[in-house]
Amino acid sequence: MKPSQYIFIALGGAIGTILRYFTYESYGSTSWPYATLSVNLLGALLIGFFVTFITERIIPNPKIRPFLAIGVLGAFTTESTFALDTYVMIHNGKLYSAIIYLLVTIVGGLAAVSTGIRLGRVRLVRKESS
């Protein structure tokens, strides 16, 4: 990887981190980890879309994919917070909530990335004016 790609990844990471922070702030304090679930599901949808769109629909620029996939979306999503949230639920005796959270995050993430990939492959059709 070229040194300039590291700069693009770092810039993307800064953007993703700020977007995640704003997402958490918009939810405020809740007893269920809605913000973490939101960023992880949205991130899965977006990574499926952008990686597919970039690699299959446009000429891949070697800086765009690392910027978006590793930088922006890597910093936006958060496996570690997901793991911590799950641990805290289990530790606090909320096993049922933890199981629901695990299933919604994992199955929802797979569905979101699959949807993103399909959206990335959609061909936009222009109507010709007569």
N, C-alpha and C. Protein backbone atom coordinates (compact mmCIF):
# COMPACT_ATOMS: atom_id res chain seq x y z
N MET A 1 0.84 -1.17 0.00
CA MET A 1 0.00 0.00 0.00
C MET A 1 0.89 1.24 0.00
N LYS A 2 0.50 2.20 -0.79
CA LYS A 2 1.27 3.45 -0.90
C LYS A 2 1.01 4.32 0.32
N PRO A 3 2.01 5.12 0.72
CA PRO A 3 1.83 6.00 1.89
C PRO A 3 0.63 6.93 1.77
N SER A 4 0.31 7.38 0.56
CA SER A 4 -0.85 8.28 0.40
C SER A 4 -2.15 7.58 0.76
N GLN A 5 -2.22 6.25 0.59
CA GLN A 5 -3.43 5.53 0.95
C GLN A 5 -3.65 5.55 2.46
N TYR A 6 -2.58 5.53 3.22
CA TYR A 6 -2.71 5.62 4.68
C TYR A 6 -3.35 6.95 5.09
N ILE A 7 -3.00 7.99 4.38
CA ILE A 7 -3.58 9.30 4.67
C ILE A 7 -5.08 9.29 4.38
N PHE A 8 -5.47 8.68 3.25
CA PHE A 8 -6.89 8.59 2.92
C PHE A 8 -7.66 7.75 3.93
N ILE A 9 -7.05 6.66 4.40
CA ILE A 9 -7.68 5.83 5.42
C ILE A 9 -7.85 6.62 6.72
N ALA A 10 -6.81 7.36 7.11
CA ALA A 10 -6.89 8.16 8.34
C ALA A 10 -7.95 9.24 8.23
N LEU A 11 -8.03 9.90 7.08
CA LEU A 11 -9.07 10.92 6.88
C LEU A 11 -10.46 10.30 6.94
N GLY A 12 -10.62 9.14 6.29
CA GLY A 12 -11.89 8.44 6.35
C GLY A 12 -12.24 8.03 7.77
N GLY A 13 -11.22 7.57 8.51
CA GLY A 13 -11.43 7.18 9.91
C GLY A 13 -11.89 8.35 10.76
N ALA A 14 -11.33 9.51 10.51
CA ALA A 14 -11.75 10.71 11.26
C ALA A 14 -13.21 11.03 10.96
N ILE A 15 -13.60 10.93 9.71
CA ILE A 15 -14.99 11.21 9.31
C ILE A 15 -15.93 10.18 9.95
N GLY A 16 -15.57 8.89 9.86
CA GLY A 16 -16.41 7.84 10.42
C GLY A 16 -16.58 7.96 11.93
N THR A 17 -15.51 8.32 12.61
CA THR A 17 -15.57 8.48 14.06
C THR A 17 -16.50 9.63 14.45
N ILE A 18 -16.40 10.72 13.74
CA ILE A 18 -17.26 11.86 14.01
C ILE A 18 -18.72 11.52 13.73
N LEU A 19 -18.98 10.80 12.63
CA LEU A 19 -20.36 10.39 12.31
C LEU A 19 -20.91 9.46 13.39
N ARG A 20 -20.08 8.55 13.89
CA ARG A 20 -20.53 7.66 14.97
C ARG A 20 -20.83 8.46 16.22
N TYR A 21 -19.98 9.41 16.56
CA TYR A 21 -20.20 10.25 17.74
C TYR A 21 -21.54 10.99 17.62
N PHE A 22 -21.81 11.58 16.45
CA PHE A 22 -23.08 12.29 16.26
C PHE A 22 -24.27 11.34 16.36
N THR A 23 -24.11 10.13 15.88
CA THR A 23 -25.19 9.14 15.98
C THR A 23 -25.47 8.84 17.45
N TYR A 24 -24.41 8.60 18.23
CA TYR A 24 -24.58 8.32 19.65
C TYR A 24 -25.21 9.51 20.37
N GLU A 25 -24.79 10.71 20.03
CA GLU A 25 -25.36 11.91 20.65
C GLU A 25 -26.84 12.07 20.30
N SER A 26 -27.21 11.70 19.08
CA SER A 26 -28.61 11.88 18.67
C SER A 26 -29.54 10.92 19.41
N TYR A 27 -29.04 9.76 19.82
CA TYR A 27 -29.86 8.82 20.58
C TYR A 27 -29.92 9.18 22.06
N GLY A 28 -28.91 9.84 22.56
CA GLY A 28 -28.87 10.16 23.98
C GLY A 28 -28.68 8.88 24.79
N SER A 29 -28.96 8.95 26.05
CA SER A 29 -28.78 7.80 26.93
C SER A 29 -30.02 6.92 26.87
N THR A 30 -29.83 5.67 26.49
CA THR A 30 -30.95 4.73 26.43
C THR A 30 -30.55 3.45 27.17
N SER A 31 -31.54 2.68 27.57
CA SER A 31 -31.25 1.44 28.28
C SER A 31 -30.93 0.31 27.31
N TRP A 32 -31.21 0.49 26.04
CA TRP A 32 -30.90 -0.53 25.03
C TRP A 32 -29.96 0.10 24.01
N PRO A 33 -29.00 -0.63 23.47
CA PRO A 33 -27.96 -0.04 22.60
C PRO A 33 -28.42 0.26 21.17
N TYR A 34 -29.41 1.14 21.04
CA TYR A 34 -29.93 1.49 19.72
C TYR A 34 -28.88 2.15 18.83
N ALA A 35 -28.06 2.99 19.38
CA ALA A 35 -27.05 3.69 18.58
C ALA A 35 -26.05 2.71 17.99
N THR A 36 -25.57 1.76 18.80
CA THR A 36 -24.61 0.77 18.29
C THR A 36 -25.25 -0.09 17.22
N LEU A 37 -26.48 -0.53 17.46
CA LEU A 37 -27.19 -1.33 16.47
C LEU A 37 -27.37 -0.53 15.18
N SER A 38 -27.72 0.73 15.29
CA SER A 38 -27.92 1.57 14.11
C SER A 38 -26.65 1.73 13.29
N VAL A 39 -25.55 2.07 13.95
CA VAL A 39 -24.32 2.28 13.18
C VAL A 39 -23.83 0.98 12.55
N ASN A 40 -24.00 -0.14 13.25
CA ASN A 40 -23.54 -1.40 12.69
C ASN A 40 -24.40 -1.86 11.52
N LEU A 41 -25.72 -1.72 11.61
CA LEU A 41 -26.58 -2.12 10.49
C LEU A 41 -26.43 -1.17 9.31
N LEU A 42 -26.40 0.13 9.57
CA LEU A 42 -26.21 1.09 8.49
C LEU A 42 -24.83 0.90 7.85
N GLY A 43 -23.82 0.67 8.67
CA GLY A 43 -22.47 0.44 8.15
C GLY A 43 -22.41 -0.80 7.26
N ALA A 44 -23.12 -1.88 7.65
CA ALA A 44 -23.15 -3.09 6.85
C ALA A 44 -23.82 -2.84 5.50
N LEU A 45 -24.93 -2.10 5.52
CA LEU A 45 -25.62 -1.75 4.28
C LEU A 45 -24.70 -0.94 3.37
N LEU A 46 -24.07 0.07 3.94
CA LEU A 46 -23.22 0.97 3.15
C LEU A 46 -21.97 0.29 2.63
N ILE A 47 -21.36 -0.59 3.42
CA ILE A 47 -20.15 -1.26 2.93
C ILE A 47 -20.51 -2.22 1.79
N GLY A 48 -21.65 -2.90 1.92
CA GLY A 48 -22.09 -3.75 0.82
C GLY A 48 -22.32 -2.95 -0.45
N PHE A 49 -22.98 -1.81 -0.30
CA PHE A 49 -23.27 -0.96 -1.46
C PHE A 49 -21.99 -0.39 -2.07
N PHE A 50 -21.20 0.31 -1.27
CA PHE A 50 -20.05 1.01 -1.82
C PHE A 50 -18.99 0.08 -2.38
N VAL A 51 -18.69 -1.00 -1.69
CA VAL A 51 -17.66 -1.91 -2.19
C VAL A 51 -18.12 -2.53 -3.50
N THR A 52 -19.39 -2.91 -3.59
CA THR A 52 -19.90 -3.47 -4.84
C THR A 52 -19.95 -2.43 -5.94
N PHE A 53 -20.48 -1.27 -5.61
CA PHE A 53 -20.61 -0.20 -6.60
C PHE A 53 -19.24 0.20 -7.14
N ILE A 54 -18.28 0.35 -6.26
CA ILE A 54 -16.94 0.78 -6.68
C ILE A 54 -16.26 -0.30 -7.51
N THR A 55 -16.31 -1.55 -7.06
CA THR A 55 -15.57 -2.60 -7.75
C THR A 55 -16.26 -3.11 -9.00
N GLU A 56 -17.58 -2.99 -9.08
CA GLU A 56 -18.29 -3.53 -10.23
C GLU A 56 -18.82 -2.48 -11.20
N ARG A 57 -19.02 -1.27 -10.76
CA ARG A 57 -19.70 -0.28 -11.60
C ARG A 57 -18.80 0.85 -12.09
N ILE A 58 -17.78 1.18 -11.32
CA ILE A 58 -16.92 2.28 -11.76
C ILE A 58 -15.48 1.79 -11.78
N ILE A 59 -14.64 2.55 -12.38
CA ILE A 59 -13.22 2.20 -12.40
C ILE A 59 -12.67 2.37 -11.00
N PRO A 60 -12.18 1.29 -10.40
CA PRO A 60 -11.71 1.38 -9.02
C PRO A 60 -10.51 2.31 -8.88
N ASN A 61 -10.66 3.29 -8.05
CA ASN A 61 -9.54 4.15 -7.70
C ASN A 61 -8.92 3.52 -6.46
N PRO A 62 -7.62 3.26 -6.47
CA PRO A 62 -7.01 2.56 -5.33
C PRO A 62 -7.12 3.31 -4.00
N LYS A 63 -7.56 4.57 -4.03
CA LYS A 63 -7.69 5.33 -2.79
C LYS A 63 -9.12 5.36 -2.27
N ILE A 64 -10.11 5.16 -3.13
CA ILE A 64 -11.51 5.30 -2.72
C ILE A 64 -11.95 4.15 -1.83
N ARG A 65 -11.66 2.92 -2.23
CA ARG A 65 -12.12 1.77 -1.44
C ARG A 65 -11.54 1.78 -0.03
N PRO A 66 -10.22 1.95 0.15
CA PRO A 66 -9.70 2.01 1.53
C PRO A 66 -10.27 3.20 2.31
N PHE A 67 -10.47 4.34 1.64
CA PHE A 67 -11.03 5.51 2.30
C PHE A 67 -12.42 5.20 2.86
N LEU A 68 -13.29 4.61 2.03
CA LEU A 68 -14.66 4.33 2.46
C LEU A 68 -14.77 3.09 3.34
N ALA A 69 -14.23 1.96 2.86
CA ALA A 69 -14.45 0.68 3.55
C ALA A 69 -13.65 0.58 4.85
N ILE A 70 -12.39 0.94 4.81
CA ILE A 70 -11.54 0.81 6.01
C ILE A 70 -11.66 2.07 6.88
N GLY A 71 -11.56 3.22 6.24
CA GLY A 71 -11.56 4.48 6.98
C GLY A 71 -12.93 4.87 7.52
N VAL A 72 -13.80 5.35 6.63
CA VAL A 72 -15.09 5.89 7.07
C VAL A 72 -15.94 4.82 7.76
N LEU A 73 -16.21 3.72 7.05
CA LEU A 73 -17.12 2.71 7.60
C LEU A 73 -16.48 1.86 8.69
N GLY A 74 -15.17 1.66 8.62
CA GLY A 74 -14.48 0.94 9.69
C GLY A 74 -14.53 1.70 11.00
N ALA A 75 -14.43 3.01 10.93
CA ALA A 75 -14.51 3.83 12.14
C ALA A 75 -15.94 4.09 12.57
N PHE A 76 -16.86 4.09 11.61
CA PHE A 76 -18.27 4.33 11.92
C PHE A 76 -18.88 3.15 12.67
N THR A 77 -18.58 1.94 12.23
CA THR A 77 -19.13 0.75 12.88
C THR A 77 -18.26 0.35 14.06
N THR A 78 -18.79 -0.53 14.92
CA THR A 78 -18.06 -0.82 16.14
C THR A 78 -18.37 -2.20 16.70
N GLU A 79 -17.49 -3.13 16.42
CA GLU A 79 -17.61 -4.48 16.98
C GLU A 79 -17.34 -4.48 18.48
N SER A 80 -16.40 -3.69 18.90
CA SER A 80 -16.03 -3.69 20.32
C SER A 80 -17.16 -3.18 21.20
N THR A 81 -17.86 -2.15 20.78
CA THR A 81 -18.98 -1.65 21.58
C THR A 81 -20.13 -2.66 21.57
N PHE A 82 -20.34 -3.30 20.44
CA PHE A 82 -21.34 -4.36 20.34
C PHE A 82 -21.03 -5.47 21.35
N ALA A 83 -19.77 -5.89 21.41
CA ALA A 83 -19.37 -6.94 22.36
C ALA A 83 -19.55 -6.47 23.81
N LEU A 84 -19.17 -5.24 24.09
CA LEU A 84 -19.31 -4.70 25.45
C LEU A 84 -20.79 -4.59 25.84
N ASP A 85 -21.61 -4.06 24.94
CA ASP A 85 -23.04 -3.95 25.22
C ASP A 85 -23.64 -5.32 25.54
N THR A 86 -23.27 -6.31 24.76
CA THR A 86 -23.78 -7.67 24.98
C THR A 86 -23.32 -8.21 26.33
N TYR A 87 -22.06 -8.01 26.65
CA TYR A 87 -21.52 -8.46 27.93
C TYR A 87 -22.27 -7.80 29.10
N VAL A 88 -22.48 -6.50 29.01
CA VAL A 88 -23.16 -5.77 30.09
C VAL A 88 -24.59 -6.29 30.26
N MET A 89 -25.28 -6.55 29.17
CA MET A 89 -26.63 -7.10 29.27
C MET A 89 -26.62 -8.45 30.00
N ILE A 90 -25.72 -9.31 29.60
CA ILE A 90 -25.63 -10.63 30.24
C ILE A 90 -25.27 -10.48 31.71
N HIS A 91 -24.28 -9.64 31.98
CA HIS A 91 -23.82 -9.41 33.36
C HIS A 91 -24.94 -8.84 34.23
N ASN A 92 -25.82 -8.04 33.65
CA ASN A 92 -26.93 -7.44 34.40
C ASN A 92 -28.17 -8.31 34.42
N GLY A 93 -28.03 -9.56 33.99
CA GLY A 93 -29.14 -10.50 34.04
C GLY A 93 -30.17 -10.33 32.94
N LYS A 94 -29.81 -9.65 31.88
CA LYS A 94 -30.75 -9.44 30.77
C LYS A 94 -30.37 -10.36 29.61
N LEU A 95 -30.38 -11.64 29.89
CA LEU A 95 -29.96 -12.64 28.90
C LEU A 95 -30.85 -12.60 27.67
N TYR A 96 -32.16 -12.51 27.86
CA TYR A 96 -33.09 -12.46 26.73
C TYR A 96 -32.79 -11.26 25.83
N SER A 97 -32.59 -10.09 26.42
CA SER A 97 -32.24 -8.90 25.64
C SER A 97 -30.93 -9.08 24.91
N ALA A 98 -29.96 -9.70 25.56
CA ALA A 98 -28.65 -9.93 24.93
C ALA A 98 -28.78 -10.85 23.72
N ILE A 99 -29.58 -11.89 23.85
CA ILE A 99 -29.78 -12.82 22.74
C ILE A 99 -30.47 -12.12 21.57
N ILE A 100 -31.50 -11.34 21.88
CA ILE A 100 -32.20 -10.57 20.83
C ILE A 100 -31.21 -9.62 20.14
N TYR A 101 -30.41 -8.92 20.93
CA TYR A 101 -29.43 -7.98 20.39
C TYR A 101 -28.42 -8.70 19.49
N LEU A 102 -27.92 -9.84 19.95
CA LEU A 102 -26.98 -10.62 19.14
C LEU A 102 -27.61 -11.04 17.81
N LEU A 103 -28.82 -11.58 17.88
CA LEU A 103 -29.47 -12.05 16.66
C LEU A 103 -29.80 -10.92 15.70
N VAL A 104 -30.34 -9.83 16.24
CA VAL A 104 -30.70 -8.70 15.38
C VAL A 104 -29.44 -8.12 14.73
N THR A 105 -28.36 -8.01 15.49
CA THR A 105 -27.13 -7.44 14.95
C THR A 105 -26.52 -8.35 13.88
N ILE A 106 -26.42 -9.63 14.18
CA ILE A 106 -25.75 -10.54 13.23
C ILE A 106 -26.63 -10.81 12.01
N VAL A 107 -27.86 -11.22 12.23
CA VAL A 107 -28.75 -11.51 11.10
C VAL A 107 -29.08 -10.22 10.35
N GLY A 108 -29.34 -9.16 11.09
CA GLY A 108 -29.62 -7.88 10.45
C GLY A 108 -28.42 -7.37 9.66
N GLY A 109 -27.22 -7.57 10.19
CA GLY A 109 -26.01 -7.15 9.48
C GLY A 109 -25.83 -7.91 8.17
N LEU A 110 -26.08 -9.22 8.21
CA LEU A 110 -25.99 -10.02 6.99
C LEU A 110 -27.04 -9.57 5.97
N ALA A 111 -28.25 -9.33 6.44
CA ALA A 111 -29.31 -8.85 5.54
C ALA A 111 -28.97 -7.47 4.98
N ALA A 112 -28.41 -6.61 5.81
CA ALA A 112 -28.06 -5.25 5.37
C ALA A 112 -26.94 -5.28 4.33
N VAL A 113 -25.90 -6.08 4.56
CA VAL A 113 -24.81 -6.12 3.59
C VAL A 113 -25.29 -6.75 2.29
N SER A 114 -26.15 -7.75 2.38
CA SER A 114 -26.73 -8.37 1.18
C SER A 114 -27.56 -7.37 0.40
N THR A 115 -28.36 -6.59 1.10
CA THR A 115 -29.17 -5.55 0.46
C THR A 115 -28.28 -4.49 -0.18
N GLY A 116 -27.23 -4.10 0.53
CA GLY A 116 -26.29 -3.12 -0.02
C GLY A 116 -25.63 -3.62 -1.29
N ILE A 117 -25.25 -4.89 -1.32
CA ILE A 117 -24.64 -5.47 -2.52
C ILE A 117 -25.63 -5.45 -3.67
N ARG A 118 -26.87 -5.85 -3.40
CA ARG A 118 -27.89 -5.83 -4.46
C ARG A 118 -28.13 -4.41 -4.96
N LEU A 119 -28.19 -3.44 -4.05
CA LEU A 119 -28.38 -2.04 -4.46
C LEU A 119 -27.19 -1.54 -5.27
N GLY A 120 -26.00 -1.98 -4.92
CA GLY A 120 -24.81 -1.58 -5.66
C GLY A 120 -24.78 -2.10 -7.08
N ARG A 121 -25.54 -3.17 -7.33
CA ARG A 121 -25.59 -3.78 -8.67
C ARG A 121 -26.78 -3.31 -9.50
N VAL A 122 -27.66 -2.50 -8.90
CA VAL A 122 -28.82 -2.01 -9.64
C VAL A 122 -28.35 -1.11 -10.78
N ARG A 123 -28.89 -1.36 -11.92
CA ARG A 123 -28.58 -0.53 -13.08
C ARG A 123 -29.61 0.59 -13.15
N LEU A 124 -29.13 1.78 -13.14
CA LEU A 124 -30.04 2.92 -13.26
C LEU A 124 -30.42 3.10 -14.71
N VAL A 125 -31.71 3.11 -14.96
CA VAL A 125 -32.20 3.22 -16.34
C VAL A 125 -32.73 4.62 -16.55
N ARG A 126 -32.23 5.25 -17.56
CA ARG A 126 -32.70 6.60 -17.91
C ARG A 126 -33.80 6.49 -18.94
N LYS A 127 -34.85 7.24 -18.72
CA LYS A 127 -35.92 7.30 -19.71
C LYS A 127 -35.53 8.27 -20.81
N GLU A 128 -35.64 7.80 -22.01
CA GLU A 128 -35.36 8.67 -23.15
C GLU A 128 -36.59 9.54 -23.38
N SER A 129 -36.38 10.83 -23.54
CA SER A 129 -37.53 11.70 -23.81
C SER A 129 -37.81 11.65 -25.32
N SER A 130 -39.09 11.57 -25.65
CA SER A 130 -39.46 11.45 -27.07
C SER A 130 -39.73 12.78 -27.70
